[in-house]
Amino acid sequence: MKGSYRITISNAKVRYDFIIRRNITIIKGDSATGKTTLAEMVQEYYESGEDSGIELSCEKSCRVLGGRDWNMVP
């Protein structure tokens, strides 16, 4: 991936809006700041699409790598 991409993801309770500049991004930070919520929202949108009640906007595909997929090579 070259360049930077804006990601906006939201549901009825929360909205995230940020820019990534790498193909794989690791999100870290203090406890209780929304990291798990963000990952769960991206995963739910990936699995259920618009039926999830989540809106996701990005030029590229967004996905959470976890479980067996964590070392997946795209």
PDB file of N, CA and C in Angstrom:
ATOM      1  N   MET A   1       0.843  -1.165   0.000  1.00  0.00           N
ATOM      2  CA  MET A   1       0.000   0.000   0.000  1.00  0.00           C
ATOM      3  C   MET A   1       0.892   1.233   0.000  1.00  0.00           C
ATOM      4  N   LYS A   2       0.599   2.142  -0.881  1.00  0.00           N
ATOM      5  CA  LYS A   2       1.320   3.404  -0.921  1.00  0.00           C
ATOM      6  C   LYS A   2       0.350   4.532  -0.605  1.00  0.00           C
ATOM      7  N   GLY A   3       0.863   5.558   0.020  1.00  0.00           N
ATOM      8  CA  GLY A   3       0.025   6.702   0.350  1.00  0.00           C
ATOM      9  C   GLY A   3      -0.635   6.552   1.699  1.00  0.00           C
ATOM     10  N   SER A   4      -1.630   7.372   1.932  1.00  0.00           N
ATOM     11  CA  SER A   4      -2.377   7.313   3.183  1.00  0.00           C
ATOM     12  C   SER A   4      -3.858   7.203   2.869  1.00  0.00           C
ATOM     13  N   TYR A   5      -4.604   6.622   3.796  1.00  0.00           N
ATOM     14  CA  TYR A   5      -6.031   6.381   3.591  1.00  0.00           C
ATOM     15  C   TYR A   5      -6.809   6.751   4.835  1.00  0.00           C
ATOM     16  N   ARG A   6      -7.903   7.454   4.629  1.00  0.00           N
ATOM     17  CA  ARG A   6      -8.785   7.845   5.726  1.00  0.00           C
ATOM     18  C   ARG A   6      -9.808   6.729   5.942  1.00  0.00           C
ATOM     19  N   ILE A   7      -9.986   6.358   7.188  1.00  0.00           N
ATOM     20  CA  ILE A   7     -10.978   5.357   7.563  1.00  0.00           C
ATOM     21  C   ILE A   7     -11.975   6.017   8.499  1.00  0.00           C
ATOM     22  N   THR A   8     -13.243   5.860   8.182  1.00  0.00           N
ATOM     23  CA  THR A   8     -14.308   6.325   9.052  1.00  0.00           C
ATOM     24  C   THR A   8     -15.215   5.138   9.313  1.00  0.00           C
ATOM     25  N   ILE A   9     -15.432   4.834  10.574  1.00  0.00           N
ATOM     26  CA  ILE A   9     -16.301   3.726  10.956  1.00  0.00           C
ATOM     27  C   ILE A   9     -17.170   4.187  12.112  1.00  0.00           C
ATOM     28  N   SER A  10     -18.460   3.870  12.027  1.00  0.00           N
ATOM     29  CA  SER A  10     -19.365   4.335  13.073  1.00  0.00           C
ATOM     30  C   SER A  10     -20.560   3.397  13.217  1.00  0.00           C
ATOM     31  N   ASN A  11     -21.167   3.468  14.393  1.00  0.00           N
ATOM     32  CA  ASN A  11     -22.449   2.826  14.636  1.00  0.00           C
ATOM     33  C   ASN A  11     -23.297   3.837  15.392  1.00  0.00           C
ATOM     34  N   ALA A  12     -24.353   3.393  16.031  1.00  0.00           N
ATOM     35  CA  ALA A  12     -25.246   4.328  16.717  1.00  0.00           C
ATOM     36  C   ALA A  12     -24.601   4.973  17.944  1.00  0.00           C
ATOM     37  N   LYS A  13     -23.553   4.358  18.486  1.00  0.00           N
ATOM     38  CA  LYS A  13     -22.961   4.851  19.734  1.00  0.00           C
ATOM     39  C   LYS A  13     -21.611   5.544  19.587  1.00  0.00           C
ATOM     40  N   VAL A  14     -20.804   5.144  18.601  1.00  0.00           N
ATOM     41  CA  VAL A  14     -19.426   5.626  18.536  1.00  0.00           C
ATOM     42  C   VAL A  14     -18.999   5.848  17.089  1.00  0.00           C
ATOM     43  N   ARG A  15     -18.039   6.757  16.909  1.00  0.00           N
ATOM     44  CA  ARG A  15     -17.503   7.034  15.575  1.00  0.00           C
ATOM     45  C   ARG A  15     -15.987   7.176  15.677  1.00  0.00           C
ATOM     46  N   TYR A  16     -15.288   6.514  14.760  1.00  0.00           N
ATOM     47  CA  TYR A  16     -13.837   6.629  14.659  1.00  0.00           C
ATOM     48  C   TYR A  16     -13.511   7.225  13.302  1.00  0.00           C
ATOM     49  N   ASP A  17     -12.571   8.140  13.264  1.00  0.00           N
ATOM     50  CA  ASP A  17     -12.149   8.779  12.025  1.00  0.00           C
ATOM     51  C   ASP A  17     -10.637   8.992  12.121  1.00  0.00           C
ATOM     52  N   PHE A  18      -9.868   8.280  11.293  1.00  0.00           N
ATOM     53  CA  PHE A  18      -8.419   8.364  11.389  1.00  0.00           C
ATOM     54  C   PHE A  18      -7.782   8.063  10.041  1.00  0.00           C
ATOM     55  N   ILE A  19      -6.489   8.323   9.937  1.00  0.00           N
ATOM     56  CA  ILE A  19      -5.732   8.101   8.708  1.00  0.00           C
ATOM     57  C   ILE A  19      -4.639   7.084   8.999  1.00  0.00           C
ATOM     58  N   ILE A  20      -4.492   6.088   8.099  1.00  0.00           N
ATOM     59  CA  ILE A  20      -3.395   5.136   8.222  1.00  0.00           C
ATOM     60  C   ILE A  20      -2.438   5.341   7.052  1.00  0.00           C
ATOM     61  N   ARG A  21      -1.194   4.992   7.290  1.00  0.00           N
ATOM     62  CA  ARG A  21      -0.164   5.188   6.270  1.00  0.00           C
ATOM     63  C   ARG A  21       0.632   3.914   6.000  1.00  0.00           C
ATOM     64  N   ARG A  22       0.139   2.790   6.496  1.00  0.00           N
ATOM     65  CA  ARG A  22       0.839   1.520   6.303  1.00  0.00           C
ATOM     66  C   ARG A  22      -0.157   0.431   5.916  1.00  0.00           C
ATOM     67  N   ASN A  23       0.350  -0.618   5.291  1.00  0.00           N
ATOM     68  CA  ASN A  23      -0.480  -1.728   4.869  1.00  0.00           C
ATOM     69  C   ASN A  23      -1.082  -2.462   6.061  1.00  0.00           C
ATOM     70  N   ILE A  24      -0.277  -2.710   7.074  1.00  0.00           N
ATOM     71  CA  ILE A  24      -0.751  -3.334   8.309  1.00  0.00           C
ATOM     72  C   ILE A  24      -0.489  -2.349   9.430  1.00  0.00           C
ATOM     73  N   THR A  25      -1.517  -2.065  10.204  1.00  0.00           N
ATOM     74  CA  THR A  25      -1.412  -1.091  11.277  1.00  0.00           C
ATOM     75  C   THR A  25      -1.687  -1.765  12.605  1.00  0.00           C
ATOM     76  N   ILE A  26      -0.827  -1.550  13.559  1.00  0.00           N
ATOM     77  CA  ILE A  26      -1.016  -2.066  14.913  1.00  0.00           C
ATOM     78  C   ILE A  26      -1.501  -0.909  15.771  1.00  0.00           C
ATOM     79  N   ILE A  27      -2.619  -1.122  16.426  1.00  0.00           N
ATOM     80  CA  ILE A  27      -3.194  -0.082  17.267  1.00  0.00           C
ATOM     81  C   ILE A  27      -2.893  -0.429  18.712  1.00  0.00           C
ATOM     82  N   LYS A  28      -2.257   0.513  19.405  1.00  0.00           N
ATOM     83  CA  LYS A  28      -1.947   0.301  20.812  1.00  0.00           C
ATOM     84  C   LYS A  28      -2.240   1.581  21.564  1.00  0.00           C
ATOM     85  N   GLY A  29      -2.393   1.453  22.859  1.00  0.00           N
ATOM     86  CA  GLY A  29      -2.654   2.634  23.665  1.00  0.00           C
ATOM     87  C   GLY A  29      -3.119   2.256  25.049  1.00  0.00           C
ATOM     88  N   ASP A  30      -3.525   3.257  25.798  1.00  0.00           N
ATOM     89  CA  ASP A  30      -3.969   3.053  27.176  1.00  0.00           C
ATOM     90  C   ASP A  30      -5.230   2.198  27.231  1.00  0.00           C
ATOM     91  N   SER A  31      -5.426   1.594  28.382  1.00  0.00           N
ATOM     92  CA  SER A  31      -6.607   0.790  28.639  1.00  0.00           C
ATOM     93  C   SER A  31      -7.871   1.649  28.548  1.00  0.00           C
ATOM     94  N   ALA A  32      -8.933   1.035  28.059  1.00  0.00           N
ATOM     95  CA  ALA A  32     -10.264   1.669  28.013  1.00  0.00           C
ATOM     96  C   ALA A  32     -10.324   2.882  27.088  1.00  0.00           C
ATOM     97  N   THR A  33      -9.588   2.844  25.967  1.00  0.00           N
ATOM     98  CA  THR A  33      -9.639   3.953  25.015  1.00  0.00           C
ATOM     99  C   THR A  33     -10.356   3.595  23.719  1.00  0.00           C
ATOM    100  N   GLY A  34     -10.874   2.343  23.599  1.00  0.00           N
ATOM    101  CA  GLY A  34     -11.683   1.979  22.445  1.00  0.00           C
ATOM    102  C   GLY A  34     -11.017   1.089  21.421  1.00  0.00           C
ATOM    103  N   LYS A  35      -9.844   0.558  21.710  1.00  0.00           N
ATOM    104  CA  LYS A  35      -9.135  -0.294  20.741  1.00  0.00           C
ATOM    105  C   LYS A  35      -9.925  -1.561  20.411  1.00  0.00           C
ATOM    106  N   THR A  36     -10.414  -2.231  21.432  1.00  0.00           N
ATOM    107  CA  THR A  36     -11.174  -3.461  21.223  1.00  0.00           C
ATOM    108  C   THR A  36     -12.482  -3.170  20.499  1.00  0.00           C
ATOM    109  N   THR A  37     -13.141  -2.091  20.869  1.00  0.00           N
ATOM    110  CA  THR A  37     -14.386  -1.705  20.201  1.00  0.00           C
ATOM    111  C   THR A  37     -14.143  -1.458  18.718  1.00  0.00           C
ATOM    112  N   LEU A  38     -13.079  -0.765  18.396  1.00  0.00           N
ATOM    113  CA  LEU A  38     -12.737  -0.506  16.999  1.00  0.00           C
ATOM    114  C   LEU A  38     -12.511  -1.815  16.242  1.00  0.00           C
ATOM    115  N   ALA A  39     -11.712  -2.701  16.803  1.00  0.00           N
ATOM    116  CA  ALA A  39     -11.424  -3.974  16.143  1.00  0.00           C
ATOM    117  C   ALA A  39     -12.688  -4.803  15.961  1.00  0.00           C
ATOM    118  N   GLU A  40     -13.550  -4.831  16.970  1.00  0.00           N
ATOM    119  CA  GLU A  40     -14.797  -5.588  16.871  1.00  0.00           C
ATOM    120  C   GLU A  40     -15.723  -5.004  15.808  1.00  0.00           C
ATOM    121  N   MET A  41     -15.756  -3.677  15.688  1.00  0.00           N
ATOM    122  CA  MET A  41     -16.596  -3.047  14.669  1.00  0.00           C
ATOM    123  C   MET A  41     -16.099  -3.379  13.266  1.00  0.00           C
ATOM    124  N   VAL A  42     -14.786  -3.319  13.043  1.00  0.00           N
ATOM    125  CA  VAL A  42     -14.233  -3.653  11.724  1.00  0.00           C
ATOM    126  C   VAL A  42     -14.531  -5.111  11.397  1.00  0.00           C
ATOM    127  N   GLN A  43     -14.345  -6.010  12.365  1.00  0.00           N
ATOM    128  CA  GLN A  43     -14.607  -7.432  12.140  1.00  0.00           C
ATOM    129  C   GLN A  43     -16.080  -7.683  11.839  1.00  0.00           C
ATOM    130  N   GLU A  44     -16.964  -7.066  12.609  1.00  0.00           N
ATOM    131  CA  GLU A  44     -18.410  -7.245  12.394  1.00  0.00           C
ATOM    132  C   GLU A  44     -18.822  -6.733  11.014  1.00  0.00           C
ATOM    133  N   TYR A  45     -18.278  -5.590  10.609  1.00  0.00           N
ATOM    134  CA  TYR A  45     -18.595  -5.068   9.279  1.00  0.00           C
ATOM    135  C   TYR A  45     -18.070  -6.010   8.198  1.00  0.00           C
ATOM    136  N   TYR A  46     -16.881  -6.541   8.391  1.00  0.00           N
ATOM    137  CA  TYR A  46     -16.297  -7.475   7.424  1.00  0.00           C
ATOM    138  C   TYR A  46     -17.174  -8.726   7.276  1.00  0.00           C
ATOM    139  N   GLU A  47     -17.705  -9.225   8.387  1.00  0.00           N
ATOM    140  CA  GLU A  47     -18.506 -10.445   8.364  1.00  0.00           C
ATOM    141  C   GLU A  47     -19.938 -10.215   7.894  1.00  0.00           C
ATOM    142  N   SER A  48     -20.566  -9.096   8.298  1.00  0.00           N
ATOM    143  CA  SER A  48     -21.998  -8.899   8.036  1.00  0.00           C
ATOM    144  C   SER A  48     -22.325  -7.747   7.106  1.00  0.00           C
ATOM    145  N   GLY A  49     -21.353  -6.926   6.759  1.00  0.00           N
ATOM    146  CA  GLY A  49     -21.606  -5.804   5.863  1.00  0.00           C
ATOM    147  C   GLY A  49     -22.573  -4.804   6.461  1.00  0.00           C
ATOM    148  N   GLU A  50     -23.421  -4.231   5.629  1.00  0.00           N
ATOM    149  CA  GLU A  50     -24.363  -3.205   6.069  1.00  0.00           C
ATOM    150  C   GLU A  50     -25.396  -3.739   7.056  1.00  0.00           C
ATOM    151  N   ASP A  51     -25.647  -5.050   7.042  1.00  0.00           N
ATOM    152  CA  ASP A  51     -26.594  -5.644   7.990  1.00  0.00           C
ATOM    153  C   ASP A  51     -26.113  -5.527   9.432  1.00  0.00           C
ATOM    154  N   SER A  52     -24.841  -5.231   9.635  1.00  0.00           N
ATOM    155  CA  SER A  52     -24.273  -5.109  10.978  1.00  0.00           C
ATOM    156  C   SER A  52     -24.708  -3.818  11.681  1.00  0.00           C
ATOM    157  N   GLY A  53     -25.218  -2.849  10.925  1.00  0.00           N
ATOM    158  CA  GLY A  53     -25.562  -1.557  11.501  1.00  0.00           C
ATOM    159  C   GLY A  53     -24.364  -0.633  11.611  1.00  0.00           C
ATOM    160  N   ILE A  54     -23.256  -1.061  11.027  1.00  0.00           N
ATOM    161  CA  ILE A  54     -22.017  -0.295  11.066  1.00  0.00           C
ATOM    162  C   ILE A  54     -21.769   0.309   9.692  1.00  0.00           C
ATOM    163  N   GLU A  55     -21.328   1.543   9.675  1.00  0.00           N
ATOM    164  CA  GLU A  55     -20.948   2.191   8.430  1.00  0.00           C
ATOM    165  C   GLU A  55     -19.429   2.305   8.403  1.00  0.00           C
ATOM    166  N   LEU A  56     -18.821   1.828   7.332  1.00  0.00           N
ATOM    167  CA  LEU A  56     -17.369   1.894   7.191  1.00  0.00           C
ATOM    168  C   LEU A  56     -17.053   2.521   5.840  1.00  0.00           C
ATOM    169  N   SER A  57     -16.180   3.503   5.858  1.00  0.00           N
ATOM    170  CA  SER A  57     -15.797   4.197   4.634  1.00  0.00           C
ATOM    171  C   SER A  57     -14.276   4.200   4.520  1.00  0.00           C
ATOM    172  N   CYS A  58     -13.762   3.605   3.432  1.00  0.00           N
ATOM    173  CA  CYS A  58     -12.336   3.604   3.141  1.00  0.00           C
ATOM    174  C   CYS A  58     -12.152   3.168   1.693  1.00  0.00           C
ATOM    175  N   GLU A  59     -11.130   3.702   1.037  1.00  0.00           N
ATOM    176  CA  GLU A  59     -10.843   3.321  -0.350  1.00  0.00           C
ATOM    177  C   GLU A  59     -10.341   1.892  -0.466  1.00  0.00           C
ATOM    178  N   LYS A  60      -9.751   1.378   0.590  1.00  0.00           N
ATOM    179  CA  LYS A  60      -9.183   0.026   0.604  1.00  0.00           C
ATOM    180  C   LYS A  60      -9.995  -0.877   1.506  1.00  0.00           C
ATOM    181  N   SER A  61      -9.777  -2.164   1.388  1.00  0.00           N
ATOM    182  CA  SER A  61     -10.436  -3.137   2.241  1.00  0.00           C
ATOM    183  C   SER A  61      -9.876  -3.040   3.661  1.00  0.00           C
ATOM    184  N   CYS A  62     -10.758  -3.088   4.654  1.00  0.00           N
ATOM    185  CA  CYS A  62     -10.349  -3.054   6.055  1.00  0.00           C
ATOM    186  C   CYS A  62     -10.676  -4.399   6.675  1.00  0.00           C
ATOM    187  N   ARG A  63      -9.744  -4.904   7.455  1.00  0.00           N
ATOM    188  CA  ARG A  63      -9.930  -6.228   8.037  1.00  0.00           C
ATOM    189  C   ARG A  63      -9.130  -6.345   9.321  1.00  0.00           C
ATOM    190  N   VAL A  64      -9.646  -7.101  10.261  1.00  0.00           N
ATOM    191  CA  VAL A  64      -8.944  -7.406  11.497  1.00  0.00           C
ATOM    192  C   VAL A  64      -8.310  -8.779  11.325  1.00  0.00           C
ATOM    193  N   LEU A  65      -7.013  -8.861  11.577  1.00  0.00           N
ATOM    194  CA  LEU A  65      -6.325 -10.147  11.520  1.00  0.00           C
ATOM    195  C   LEU A  65      -6.197 -10.671  12.939  1.00  0.00           C
ATOM    196  N   GLY A  66      -6.832 -11.790  13.183  1.00  0.00           N
ATOM    197  CA  GLY A  66      -6.792 -12.397  14.504  1.00  0.00           C
ATOM    198  C   GLY A  66      -7.004 -13.891  14.376  1.00  0.00           C
ATOM    199  N   GLY A  67      -6.823 -14.591  15.460  1.00  0.00           N
ATOM    200  CA  GLY A  67      -6.986 -16.038  15.416  1.00  0.00           C
ATOM    201  C   GLY A  67      -6.051 -16.653  14.400  1.00  0.00           C
ATOM    202  N   ARG A  68      -6.565 -17.461  13.512  1.00  0.00           N
ATOM    203  CA  ARG A  68      -5.739 -18.122  12.500  1.00  0.00           C
ATOM    204  C   ARG A  68      -5.238 -17.159  11.433  1.00  0.00           C
ATOM    205  N   ASP A  69      -5.909 -16.024  11.259  1.00  0.00           N
ATOM    206  CA  ASP A  69      -5.563 -15.076  10.194  1.00  0.00           C
ATOM    207  C   ASP A  69      -4.428 -14.118  10.555  1.00  0.00           C
ATOM    208  N   TRP A  70      -3.981 -14.088  11.791  1.00  0.00           N
ATOM    209  CA  TRP A  70      -3.039 -13.054  12.219  1.00  0.00           C
ATOM    210  C   TRP A  70      -1.758 -13.042  11.406  1.00  0.00           C
ATOM    211  N   ASN A  71      -1.363 -14.192  10.852  1.00  0.00           N
ATOM    212  CA  ASN A  71      -0.138 -14.221  10.071  1.00  0.00           C
ATOM    213  C   ASN A  71      -0.414 -14.414   8.589  1.00  0.00           C
ATOM    214  N   MET A  72      -1.632 -14.121   8.163  1.00  0.00           N
ATOM    215  CA  MET A  72      -2.021 -14.245   6.773  1.00  0.00           C
ATOM    216  C   MET A  72      -1.227 -13.274   5.901  1.00  0.00           C
ATOM    217  N   VAL A  73      -0.734 -13.733   4.784  1.00  0.00           N
ATOM    218  CA  VAL A  73      -0.020 -12.870   3.838  1.00  0.00           C
ATOM    219  C   VAL A  73      -1.012 -12.469   2.757  1.00  0.00           C
ATOM    220  N   PRO A  74      -1.303 -11.152   2.629  1.00  0.00           N
ATOM    221  CA  PRO A  74      -2.286 -10.712   1.612  1.00  0.00           C
ATOM    222  C   PRO A  74      -1.781 -10.932   0.201  1.00  0.00           C
TER     223      PRO A  74
END
